[in-house]
Amino acid sequence: MTGLLLGGASTSALADDASAESTPTDSHQISVTDLTVEITDVHLTGSGFPELSIDDASYTIDDATITTDGATVSIDGRDHQIGAIELTVDNVGLHLENITIEPETAE
């Protein structure tokens, strides 16, 4: 979600001329309310991964707010400034079922 947030907030900055000085965008207020994300039947294997198995787990964020005064993101050597961001999450759930993560094994 943060990637989506930063990607959407920096879109206008990406269109700026490379020689132009970077200035912050306006303030952004983003709310995510009454959402449930379900991830089921996923198997990940990769080098450096720990071994982890989740049969069934649920997590809920009843209410949380994250606020920043701004951020600078560097993309391909160019700095883009994002103005103040306030992200509010209310009644958002995550349900994980049948998830396995394993280190990569040499065959």
PDB file of N, CA and C in Angstrom:
ATOM      1  N   MET A   1       0.827  -1.179   0.000  1.00  0.00           N
ATOM      2  CA  MET A   1       0.000   0.000   0.000  1.00  0.00           C
ATOM      3  C   MET A   1       0.871   1.242   0.000  1.00  0.00           C
ATOM      4  N   THR A   2       1.969   1.215   0.719  1.00  0.00           N
ATOM      5  CA  THR A   2       2.850   2.370   0.757  1.00  0.00           C
ATOM      6  C   THR A   2       3.428   2.636  -0.608  1.00  0.00           C
ATOM      7  N   GLY A   3       3.793   1.564  -1.319  1.00  0.00           N
ATOM      8  CA  GLY A   3       4.301   1.753  -2.673  1.00  0.00           C
ATOM      9  C   GLY A   3       3.279   2.417  -3.553  1.00  0.00           C
ATOM     10  N   LEU A   4       2.047   2.015  -3.454  1.00  0.00           N
ATOM     11  CA  LEU A   4       0.980   2.630  -4.217  1.00  0.00           C
ATOM     12  C   LEU A   4       0.827   4.079  -3.821  1.00  0.00           C
ATOM     13  N   LEU A   5       0.885   4.344  -2.546  1.00  0.00           N
ATOM     14  CA  LEU A   5       0.770   5.695  -2.033  1.00  0.00           C
ATOM     15  C   LEU A   5       1.873   6.572  -2.591  1.00  0.00           C
ATOM     16  N   LEU A   6       3.123   6.130  -2.482  1.00  0.00           N
ATOM     17  CA  LEU A   6       4.237   6.928  -2.960  1.00  0.00           C
ATOM     18  C   LEU A   6       4.229   7.040  -4.470  1.00  0.00           C
ATOM     19  N   GLY A   7       3.865   5.961  -5.160  1.00  0.00           N
ATOM     20  CA  GLY A   7       3.806   5.999  -6.614  1.00  0.00           C
ATOM     21  C   GLY A   7       2.780   6.996  -7.105  1.00  0.00           C
ATOM     22  N   GLY A   8       1.602   7.008  -6.515  1.00  0.00           N
ATOM     23  CA  GLY A   8       0.552   7.936  -6.916  1.00  0.00           C
ATOM     24  C   GLY A   8       0.896   9.368  -6.558  1.00  0.00           C
ATOM     25  N   ALA A   9       1.536   9.560  -5.427  1.00  0.00           N
ATOM     26  CA  ALA A   9       1.864  10.907  -4.978  1.00  0.00           C
ATOM     27  C   ALA A   9       2.998  11.510  -5.783  1.00  0.00           C
ATOM     28  N   SER A  10       3.869  10.682  -6.366  1.00  0.00           N
ATOM     29  CA  SER A  10       5.018  11.220  -7.078  1.00  0.00           C
ATOM     30  C   SER A  10       4.807  11.295  -8.581  1.00  0.00           C
ATOM     31  N   THR A  11       3.634  10.928  -9.083  1.00  0.00           N
ATOM     32  CA  THR A  11       3.394  10.919 -10.513  1.00  0.00           C
ATOM     33  C   THR A  11       3.641  12.280 -11.142  1.00  0.00           C
ATOM     34  N   SER A  12       3.123  13.349 -10.542  1.00  0.00           N
ATOM     35  CA  SER A  12       3.319  14.673 -11.115  1.00  0.00           C
ATOM     36  C   SER A  12       4.778  15.086 -11.048  1.00  0.00           C
ATOM     37  N   ALA A  13       5.501  14.640 -10.039  1.00  0.00           N
ATOM     38  CA  ALA A  13       6.907  14.990  -9.918  1.00  0.00           C
ATOM     39  C   ALA A  13       7.728  14.341 -11.017  1.00  0.00           C
ATOM     40  N   LEU A  14       7.337  13.161 -11.471  1.00  0.00           N
ATOM     41  CA  LEU A  14       8.075  12.463 -12.517  1.00  0.00           C
ATOM     42  C   LEU A  14       8.007  13.198 -13.844  1.00  0.00           C
ATOM     43  N   ALA A  15       6.974  13.984 -14.051  1.00  0.00           N
ATOM     44  CA  ALA A  15       6.798  14.690 -15.312  1.00  0.00           C
ATOM     45  C   ALA A  15       7.623  15.972 -15.368  1.00  0.00           C
ATOM     46  N   ASP A  16       8.221  16.397 -14.256  1.00  0.00           N
ATOM     47  CA  ASP A  16       9.004  17.626 -14.206  1.00  0.00           C
ATOM     48  C   ASP A  16      10.251  17.510 -15.061  1.00  0.00           C
ATOM     49  N   ASP A  17      10.715  18.663 -15.551  1.00  0.00           N
ATOM     50  CA  ASP A  17      11.956  18.738 -16.303  1.00  0.00           C
ATOM     51  C   ASP A  17      13.108  18.341 -15.386  1.00  0.00           C
ATOM     52  N   ALA A  18      14.071  17.556 -15.909  1.00  0.00           N
ATOM     53  CA  ALA A  18      15.187  17.078 -15.093  1.00  0.00           C
ATOM     54  C   ALA A  18      16.029  18.229 -14.561  1.00  0.00           C
ATOM     55  N   SER A  19      16.064  19.354 -15.259  1.00  0.00           N
ATOM     56  CA  SER A  19      16.880  20.474 -14.810  1.00  0.00           C
ATOM     57  C   SER A  19      16.147  21.352 -13.804  1.00  0.00           C
ATOM     58  N   ALA A  20      14.848  21.169 -13.652  1.00  0.00           N
ATOM     59  CA  ALA A  20      14.069  21.990 -12.727  1.00  0.00           C
ATOM     60  C   ALA A  20      14.355  21.584 -11.292  1.00  0.00           C
ATOM     61  N   GLU A  21      14.341  22.564 -10.382  1.00  0.00           N
ATOM     62  CA  GLU A  21      14.543  22.273  -8.966  1.00  0.00           C
ATOM     63  C   GLU A  21      13.306  21.585  -8.419  1.00  0.00           C
ATOM     64  N   SER A  22      13.514  20.573  -7.590  1.00  0.00           N
ATOM     65  CA  SER A  22      12.407  19.799  -7.042  1.00  0.00           C
ATOM     66  C   SER A  22      11.724  20.564  -5.913  1.00  0.00           C
ATOM     67  N   THR A  23      10.410  20.689  -6.000  1.00  0.00           N
ATOM     68  CA  THR A  23       9.643  21.322  -4.936  1.00  0.00           C
ATOM     69  C   THR A  23       8.577  20.355  -4.470  1.00  0.00           C
ATOM     70  N   PRO A  24       8.230  20.391  -3.169  1.00  0.00           N
ATOM     71  CA  PRO A  24       7.251  19.422  -2.657  1.00  0.00           C
ATOM     72  C   PRO A  24       5.864  19.625  -3.261  1.00  0.00           C
ATOM     73  N   THR A  25       5.148  18.534  -3.407  1.00  0.00           N
ATOM     74  CA  THR A  25       3.756  18.606  -3.829  1.00  0.00           C
ATOM     75  C   THR A  25       2.919  19.071  -2.650  1.00  0.00           C
ATOM     76  N   ASP A  26       1.657  19.348  -2.886  1.00  0.00           N
ATOM     77  CA  ASP A  26       0.755  19.752  -1.810  1.00  0.00           C
ATOM     78  C   ASP A  26       0.570  18.613  -0.807  1.00  0.00           C
ATOM     79  N   SER A  27      -0.106  18.903   0.284  1.00  0.00           N
ATOM     80  CA  SER A  27      -0.418  17.885   1.292  1.00  0.00           C
ATOM     81  C   SER A  27      -1.394  16.862   0.726  1.00  0.00           C
ATOM     82  N   HIS A  28      -1.272  15.623   1.203  1.00  0.00           N
ATOM     83  CA  HIS A  28      -2.128  14.535   0.747  1.00  0.00           C
ATOM     84  C   HIS A  28      -2.786  13.881   1.955  1.00  0.00           C
ATOM     85  N   GLN A  29      -4.089  13.662   1.879  1.00  0.00           N
ATOM     86  CA  GLN A  29      -4.811  12.930   2.911  1.00  0.00           C
ATOM     87  C   GLN A  29      -5.431  11.702   2.266  1.00  0.00           C
ATOM     88  N   ILE A  30      -5.083  10.528   2.778  1.00  0.00           N
ATOM     89  CA  ILE A  30      -5.535   9.270   2.200  1.00  0.00           C
ATOM     90  C   ILE A  30      -6.173   8.442   3.310  1.00  0.00           C
ATOM     91  N   SER A  31      -7.364   7.903   3.049  1.00  0.00           N
ATOM     92  CA  SER A  31      -8.053   7.067   4.027  1.00  0.00           C
ATOM     93  C   SER A  31      -8.383   5.717   3.412  1.00  0.00           C
ATOM     94  N   VAL A  32      -8.173   4.657   4.186  1.00  0.00           N
ATOM     95  CA  VAL A  32      -8.558   3.301   3.792  1.00  0.00           C
ATOM     96  C   VAL A  32      -9.488   2.802   4.891  1.00  0.00           C
ATOM     97  N   THR A  33     -10.755   2.525   4.525  1.00  0.00           N
ATOM     98  CA  THR A  33     -11.770   2.167   5.508  1.00  0.00           C
ATOM     99  C   THR A  33     -12.525   0.920   5.071  1.00  0.00           C
ATOM    100  N   ASP A  34     -12.848   0.064   6.041  1.00  0.00           N
ATOM    101  CA  ASP A  34     -13.673  -1.134   5.824  1.00  0.00           C
ATOM    102  C   ASP A  34     -13.187  -1.971   4.637  1.00  0.00           C
ATOM    103  N   LEU A  35     -11.969  -2.444   4.745  1.00  0.00           N
ATOM    104  CA  LEU A  35     -11.356  -3.238   3.685  1.00  0.00           C
ATOM    105  C   LEU A  35     -10.799  -4.515   4.289  1.00  0.00           C
ATOM    106  N   THR A  36     -10.984  -5.635   3.596  1.00  0.00           N
ATOM    107  CA  THR A  36     -10.361  -6.889   4.004  1.00  0.00           C
ATOM    108  C   THR A  36      -9.583  -7.441   2.819  1.00  0.00           C
ATOM    109  N   VAL A  37      -8.312  -7.723   3.050  1.00  0.00           N
ATOM    110  CA  VAL A  37      -7.450  -8.305   2.030  1.00  0.00           C
ATOM    111  C   VAL A  37      -7.256  -9.767   2.383  1.00  0.00           C
ATOM    112  N   GLU A  38      -7.533 -10.657   1.432  1.00  0.00           N
ATOM    113  CA  GLU A  38      -7.369 -12.092   1.654  1.00  0.00           C
ATOM    114  C   GLU A  38      -6.287 -12.624   0.727  1.00  0.00           C
ATOM    115  N   ILE A  39      -5.325 -13.338   1.310  1.00  0.00           N
ATOM    116  CA  ILE A  39      -4.255 -13.966   0.548  1.00  0.00           C
ATOM    117  C   ILE A  39      -4.311 -15.450   0.873  1.00  0.00           C
ATOM    118  N   THR A  40      -4.576 -16.276  -0.141  1.00  0.00           N
ATOM    119  CA  THR A  40      -4.721 -17.718   0.088  1.00  0.00           C
ATOM    120  C   THR A  40      -3.909 -18.508  -0.932  1.00  0.00           C
ATOM    121  N   ASP A  41      -3.502 -19.719  -0.516  1.00  0.00           N
ATOM    122  CA  ASP A  41      -2.823 -20.682  -1.376  1.00  0.00           C
ATOM    123  C   ASP A  41      -1.615 -20.095  -2.104  1.00  0.00           C
ATOM    124  N   VAL A  42      -0.663 -19.572  -1.326  1.00  0.00           N
ATOM    125  CA  VAL A  42       0.549 -18.974  -1.898  1.00  0.00           C
ATOM    126  C   VAL A  42       1.760 -19.746  -1.397  1.00  0.00           C
ATOM    127  N   HIS A  43       2.663 -20.080  -2.324  1.00  0.00           N
ATOM    128  CA  HIS A  43       3.902 -20.770  -1.985  1.00  0.00           C
ATOM    129  C   HIS A  43       5.059 -19.978  -2.591  1.00  0.00           C
ATOM    130  N   LEU A  44       5.940 -19.434  -1.746  1.00  0.00           N
ATOM    131  CA  LEU A  44       7.088 -18.661  -2.193  1.00  0.00           C
ATOM    132  C   LEU A  44       8.365 -19.388  -1.855  1.00  0.00           C
ATOM    133  N   THR A  45       9.296 -19.430  -2.818  1.00  0.00           N
ATOM    134  CA  THR A  45      10.602 -20.024  -2.597  1.00  0.00           C
ATOM    135  C   THR A  45      11.642 -19.068  -3.145  1.00  0.00           C
ATOM    136  N   GLY A  46      12.688 -18.814  -2.364  1.00  0.00           N
ATOM    137  CA  GLY A  46      13.731 -17.924  -2.846  1.00  0.00           C
ATOM    138  C   GLY A  46      14.947 -17.954  -1.952  1.00  0.00           C
ATOM    139  N   SER A  47      16.072 -17.513  -2.497  1.00  0.00           N
ATOM    140  CA  SER A  47      17.298 -17.512  -1.702  1.00  0.00           C
ATOM    141  C   SER A  47      17.169 -16.497  -0.570  1.00  0.00           C
ATOM    142  N   GLY A  48      17.589 -16.904   0.600  1.00  0.00           N
ATOM    143  CA  GLY A  48      17.541 -16.029   1.762  1.00  0.00           C
ATOM    144  C   GLY A  48      16.200 -15.983   2.470  1.00  0.00           C
ATOM    145  N   PHE A  49      15.175 -16.655   1.945  1.00  0.00           N
ATOM    146  CA  PHE A  49      13.878 -16.683   2.618  1.00  0.00           C
ATOM    147  C   PHE A  49      13.946 -17.576   3.853  1.00  0.00           C
ATOM    148  N   PRO A  50      13.239 -17.211   4.906  1.00  0.00           N
ATOM    149  CA  PRO A  50      13.136 -18.107   6.067  1.00  0.00           C
ATOM    150  C   PRO A  50      12.108 -19.192   5.770  1.00  0.00           C
ATOM    151  N   GLU A  51      12.037 -20.190   6.624  1.00  0.00           N
ATOM    152  CA  GLU A  51      10.991 -21.198   6.473  1.00  0.00           C
ATOM    153  C   GLU A  51       9.818 -20.787   7.347  1.00  0.00           C
ATOM    154  N   LEU A  52       8.654 -20.622   6.736  1.00  0.00           N
ATOM    155  CA  LEU A  52       7.480 -20.125   7.444  1.00  0.00           C
ATOM    156  C   LEU A  52       6.236 -20.741   6.831  1.00  0.00           C
ATOM    157  N   SER A  53       5.314 -21.144   7.678  1.00  0.00           N
ATOM    158  CA  SER A  53       4.056 -21.707   7.211  1.00  0.00           C
ATOM    159  C   SER A  53       2.915 -21.095   8.018  1.00  0.00           C
ATOM    160  N   ILE A  54       1.884 -20.645   7.316  1.00  0.00           N
ATOM    161  CA  ILE A  54       0.706 -20.071   7.976  1.00  0.00           C
ATOM    162  C   ILE A  54      -0.510 -20.837   7.482  1.00  0.00           C
ATOM    163  N   ASP A  55      -1.145 -21.587   8.389  1.00  0.00           N
ATOM    164  CA  ASP A  55      -2.355 -22.322   8.025  1.00  0.00           C
ATOM    165  C   ASP A  55      -3.548 -21.377   7.920  1.00  0.00           C
ATOM    166  N   ASP A  56      -3.719 -20.547   8.947  1.00  0.00           N
ATOM    167  CA  ASP A  56      -4.859 -19.628   8.974  1.00  0.00           C
ATOM    168  C   ASP A  56      -4.575 -18.543  10.022  1.00  0.00           C
ATOM    169  N   ALA A  57      -4.533 -17.284   9.594  1.00  0.00           N
ATOM    170  CA  ALA A  57      -4.289 -16.177  10.521  1.00  0.00           C
ATOM    171  C   ALA A  57      -5.026 -14.941  10.032  1.00  0.00           C
ATOM    172  N   SER A  58      -5.539 -14.167  10.969  1.00  0.00           N
ATOM    173  CA  SER A  58      -6.238 -12.923  10.626  1.00  0.00           C
ATOM    174  C   SER A  58      -5.719 -11.794  11.509  1.00  0.00           C
ATOM    175  N   TYR A  59      -5.584 -10.627  10.913  1.00  0.00           N
ATOM    176  CA  TYR A  59      -5.128  -9.438  11.617  1.00  0.00           C
ATOM    177  C   TYR A  59      -6.066  -8.290  11.253  1.00  0.00           C
ATOM    178  N   THR A  60      -6.329  -7.402  12.219  1.00  0.00           N
ATOM    179  CA  THR A  60      -7.208  -6.264  11.968  1.00  0.00           C
ATOM    180  C   THR A  60      -6.587  -5.000  12.549  1.00  0.00           C
ATOM    181  N   ILE A  61      -6.618  -3.931  11.763  1.00  0.00           N
ATOM    182  CA  ILE A  61      -6.230  -2.617  12.260  1.00  0.00           C
ATOM    183  C   ILE A  61      -7.528  -1.861  12.488  1.00  0.00           C
ATOM    184  N   ASP A  62      -7.854  -1.636  13.765  1.00  0.00           N
ATOM    185  CA  ASP A  62      -9.096  -0.942  14.092  1.00  0.00           C
ATOM    186  C   ASP A  62      -9.027   0.529  13.706  1.00  0.00           C
ATOM    187  N   ASP A  63      -7.920   1.188  14.057  1.00  0.00           N
ATOM    188  CA  ASP A  63      -7.788   2.610  13.765  1.00  0.00           C
ATOM    189  C   ASP A  63      -6.323   3.002  13.921  1.00  0.00           C
ATOM    190  N   ALA A  64      -5.740   3.562  12.876  1.00  0.00           N
ATOM    191  CA  ALA A  64      -4.352   4.017  12.940  1.00  0.00           C
ATOM    192  C   ALA A  64      -4.169   5.180  11.980  1.00  0.00           C
ATOM    193  N   THR A  65      -3.339   6.132  12.362  1.00  0.00           N
ATOM    194  CA  THR A  65      -3.016   7.269  11.499  1.00  0.00           C
ATOM    195  C   THR A  65      -1.504   7.443  11.484  1.00  0.00           C
ATOM    196  N   ILE A  66      -0.964   7.576  10.283  1.00  0.00           N
ATOM    197  CA  ILE A  66       0.466   7.813  10.099  1.00  0.00           C
ATOM    198  C   ILE A  66       0.592   9.163   9.399  1.00  0.00           C
ATOM    199  N   THR A  67       1.422  10.041   9.941  1.00  0.00           N
ATOM    200  CA  THR A  67       1.587  11.380   9.381  1.00  0.00           C
ATOM    201  C   THR A  67       3.064  11.668   9.163  1.00  0.00           C
ATOM    202  N   THR A  68       3.396  12.228   7.990  1.00  0.00           N
ATOM    203  CA  THR A  68       4.760  12.686   7.732  1.00  0.00           C
ATOM    204  C   THR A  68       4.701  14.143   7.300  1.00  0.00           C
ATOM    205  N   ASP A  69       5.783  14.859   7.548  1.00  0.00           N
ATOM    206  CA  ASP A  69       5.863  16.245   7.093  1.00  0.00           C
ATOM    207  C   ASP A  69       6.227  16.312   5.619  1.00  0.00           C
ATOM    208  N   GLY A  70       6.687  15.228   5.077  1.00  0.00           N
ATOM    209  CA  GLY A  70       7.087  15.169   3.680  1.00  0.00           C
ATOM    210  C   GLY A  70       8.174  14.125   3.512  1.00  0.00           C
ATOM    211  N   ALA A  71       8.491  13.844   2.269  1.00  0.00           N
ATOM    212  CA  ALA A  71       9.519  12.847   1.981  1.00  0.00           C
ATOM    213  C   ALA A  71      10.188  13.182   0.664  1.00  0.00           C
ATOM    214  N   THR A  72      11.430  12.749   0.529  1.00  0.00           N
ATOM    215  CA  THR A  72      12.148  12.890  -0.733  1.00  0.00           C
ATOM    216  C   THR A  72      12.428  11.495  -1.256  1.00  0.00           C
ATOM    217  N   VAL A  73      12.063  11.248  -2.512  1.00  0.00           N
ATOM    218  CA  VAL A  73      12.269   9.950  -3.140  1.00  0.00           C
ATOM    219  C   VAL A  73      13.232  10.153  -4.296  1.00  0.00           C
ATOM    220  N   SER A  74      14.271   9.324  -4.370  1.00  0.00           N
ATOM    221  CA  SER A  74      15.231   9.403  -5.456  1.00  0.00           C
ATOM    222  C   SER A  74      14.944   8.286  -6.452  1.00  0.00           C
ATOM    223  N   ILE A  75      14.658   8.669  -7.707  1.00  0.00           N
ATOM    224  CA  ILE A  75      14.365   7.707  -8.766  1.00  0.00           C
ATOM    225  C   ILE A  75      15.304   8.006  -9.926  1.00  0.00           C
ATOM    226  N   ASP A  76      16.108   7.029 -10.310  1.00  0.00           N
ATOM    227  CA  ASP A  76      17.079   7.189 -11.393  1.00  0.00           C
ATOM    228  C   ASP A  76      17.941   8.431 -11.209  1.00  0.00           C
ATOM    229  N   GLY A  77      18.376   8.672  -9.981  1.00  0.00           N
ATOM    230  CA  GLY A  77      19.268   9.782  -9.709  1.00  0.00           C
ATOM    231  C   GLY A  77      18.606  11.142  -9.600  1.00  0.00           C
ATOM    232  N   ARG A  78      17.281  11.192  -9.754  1.00  0.00           N
ATOM    233  CA  ARG A  78      16.550  12.462  -9.631  1.00  0.00           C
ATOM    234  C   ARG A  78      15.752  12.439  -8.333  1.00  0.00           C
ATOM    235  N   ASP A  79      15.811  13.543  -7.585  1.00  0.00           N
ATOM    236  CA  ASP A  79      15.065  13.645  -6.343  1.00  0.00           C
ATOM    237  C   ASP A  79      13.682  14.222  -6.603  1.00  0.00           C
ATOM    238  N   HIS A  80      12.678  13.623  -5.968  1.00  0.00           N
ATOM    239  CA  HIS A  80      11.292  14.085  -6.060  1.00  0.00           C
ATOM    240  C   HIS A  80      10.796  14.289  -4.644  1.00  0.00           C
ATOM    241  N   GLN A  81      10.261  15.457  -4.368  1.00  0.00           N
ATOM    242  CA  GLN A  81       9.770  15.757  -3.033  1.00  0.00           C
ATOM    243  C   GLN A  81       8.262  15.580  -2.989  1.00  0.00           C
ATOM    244  N   ILE A  82       7.794  14.900  -1.963  1.00  0.00           N
ATOM    245  CA  ILE A  82       6.369  14.677  -1.751  1.00  0.00           C
ATOM    246  C   ILE A  82       5.992  15.464  -0.511  1.00  0.00           C
ATOM    247  N   GLY A  83       4.938  16.233  -0.604  1.00  0.00           N
ATOM    248  CA  GLY A  83       4.505  17.052   0.517  1.00  0.00           C
ATOM    249  C   GLY A  83       3.986  16.208   1.670  1.00  0.00           C
ATOM    250  N   ALA A  84       3.447  16.864   2.677  1.00  0.00           N
ATOM    251  CA  ALA A  84       2.943  16.185   3.875  1.00  0.00           C
ATOM    252  C   ALA A  84       1.912  15.124   3.501  1.00  0.00           C
ATOM    253  N   ILE A  85       1.989  13.982   4.184  1.00  0.00           N
ATOM    254  CA  ILE A  85       1.080  12.860   3.921  1.00  0.00           C
ATOM    255  C   ILE A  85       0.432  12.444   5.232  1.00  0.00           C
ATOM    256  N   GLU A  86      -0.884  12.270   5.211  1.00  0.00           N
ATOM    257  CA  GLU A  86      -1.601  11.712   6.349  1.00  0.00           C
ATOM    258  C   GLU A  86      -2.377  10.496   5.852  1.00  0.00           C
ATOM    259  N   LEU A  87      -2.031   9.323   6.369  1.00  0.00           N
ATOM    260  CA  LEU A  87      -2.676   8.069   5.981  1.00  0.00           C
ATOM    261  C   LEU A  87      -3.466   7.557   7.175  1.00  0.00           C
ATOM    262  N   THR A  88      -4.777   7.418   7.000  1.00  0.00           N
ATOM    263  CA  THR A  88      -5.640   6.905   8.060  1.00  0.00           C
ATOM    264  C   THR A  88      -6.183   5.551   7.637  1.00  0.00           C
ATOM    265  N   VAL A  89      -6.039   4.557   8.517  1.00  0.00           N
ATOM    266  CA  VAL A  89      -6.530   3.209   8.264  1.00  0.00           C
ATOM    267  C   VAL A  89      -7.563   2.905   9.347  1.00  0.00           C
ATOM    268  N   ASP A  90      -8.767   2.489   8.916  1.00  0.00           N
ATOM    269  CA  ASP A  90      -9.860   2.239   9.849  1.00  0.00           C
ATOM    270  C   ASP A  90     -10.568   0.939   9.472  1.00  0.00           C
ATOM    271  N   ASN A  91     -10.578  -0.018  10.388  1.00  0.00           N
ATOM    272  CA  ASN A  91     -11.249  -1.297  10.192  1.00  0.00           C
ATOM    273  C   ASN A  91     -10.758  -2.012   8.925  1.00  0.00           C
ATOM    274  N   VAL A  92      -9.451  -2.253   8.875  1.00  0.00           N
ATOM    275  CA  VAL A  92      -8.843  -2.940   7.734  1.00  0.00           C
ATOM    276  C   VAL A  92      -8.292  -4.268   8.222  1.00  0.00           C
ATOM    277  N   GLY A  93      -8.643  -5.332   7.514  1.00  0.00           N
ATOM    278  CA  GLY A  93      -8.231  -6.673   7.920  1.00  0.00           C
ATOM    279  C   GLY A  93      -7.352  -7.343   6.889  1.00  0.00           C
ATOM    280  N   LEU A  94      -6.540  -8.260   7.352  1.00  0.00           N
ATOM    281  CA  LEU A  94      -5.704  -9.095   6.500  1.00  0.00           C
ATOM    282  C   LEU A  94      -5.923 -10.534   6.928  1.00  0.00           C
ATOM    283  N   HIS A  95      -6.330 -11.387   5.989  1.00  0.00           N
ATOM    284  CA  HIS A  95      -6.562 -12.799   6.279  1.00  0.00           C
ATOM    285  C   HIS A  95      -5.605 -13.618   5.424  1.00  0.00           C
ATOM    286  N   LEU A  96      -4.775 -14.435   6.081  1.00  0.00           N
ATOM    287  CA  LEU A  96      -3.805 -15.293   5.405  1.00  0.00           C
ATOM    288  C   LEU A  96      -4.211 -16.746   5.609  1.00  0.00           C
ATOM    289  N   GLU A  97      -4.211 -17.527   4.515  1.00  0.00           N
ATOM    290  CA  GLU A  97      -4.590 -18.934   4.605  1.00  0.00           C
ATOM    291  C   GLU A  97      -3.753 -19.757   3.636  1.00  0.00           C
ATOM    292  N   ASN A  98      -3.175 -20.851   4.154  1.00  0.00           N
ATOM    293  CA  ASN A  98      -2.384 -21.778   3.356  1.00  0.00           C
ATOM    294  C   ASN A  98      -1.218 -21.069   2.654  1.00  0.00           C
ATOM    295  N   ILE A  99      -0.370 -20.430   3.459  1.00  0.00           N
ATOM    296  CA  ILE A  99       0.799 -19.700   2.950  1.00  0.00           C
ATOM    297  C   ILE A  99       2.057 -20.425   3.398  1.00  0.00           C
ATOM    298  N   THR A 100       2.989 -20.676   2.466  1.00  0.00           N
ATOM    299  CA  THR A 100       4.287 -21.246   2.826  1.00  0.00           C
ATOM    300  C   THR A 100       5.392 -20.417   2.184  1.00  0.00           C
ATOM    301  N   ILE A 101       6.453 -20.225   2.949  1.00  0.00           N
ATOM    302  CA  ILE A 101       7.653 -19.546   2.470  1.00  0.00           C
ATOM    303  C   ILE A 101       8.815 -20.455   2.816  1.00  0.00           C
ATOM    304  N   GLU A 102       9.692 -20.709   1.839  1.00  0.00           N
ATOM    305  CA  GLU A 102      10.802 -21.626   2.061  1.00  0.00           C
ATOM    306  C   GLU A 102      12.068 -21.094   1.403  1.00  0.00           C
ATOM    307  N   PRO A 103      13.224 -21.421   2.004  1.00  0.00           N
ATOM    308  CA  PRO A 103      14.487 -21.060   1.336  1.00  0.00           C
ATOM    309  C   PRO A 103      14.665 -21.893   0.066  1.00  0.00           C
ATOM    310  N   GLU A 104      15.351 -21.319  -0.875  1.00  0.00           N
ATOM    311  CA  GLU A 104      15.627 -22.026  -2.116  1.00  0.00           C
ATOM    312  C   GLU A 104      16.650 -23.122  -1.859  1.00  0.00           C
ATOM    313  N   THR A 105      16.410 -24.299  -2.406  1.00  0.00           N
ATOM    314  CA  THR A 105      17.349 -25.415  -2.217  1.00  0.00           C
ATOM    315  C   THR A 105      18.005 -25.764  -3.538  1.00  0.00           C
ATOM    316  N   ALA A 106      19.277 -26.081  -3.477  1.00  0.00           N
ATOM    317  CA  ALA A 106      20.015 -26.477  -4.693  1.00  0.00           C
ATOM    318  C   ALA A 106      19.672 -27.916  -5.036  1.00  0.00           C
ATOM    319  N   GLU A 107      19.450 -28.160  -6.313  1.00  0.00           N
ATOM    320  CA  GLU A 107      19.099 -29.523  -6.742  1.00  0.00           C
ATOM    321  C   GLU A 107      20.209 -30.156  -7.498  1.00  0.00           C
TER     322      GLU A 107
END
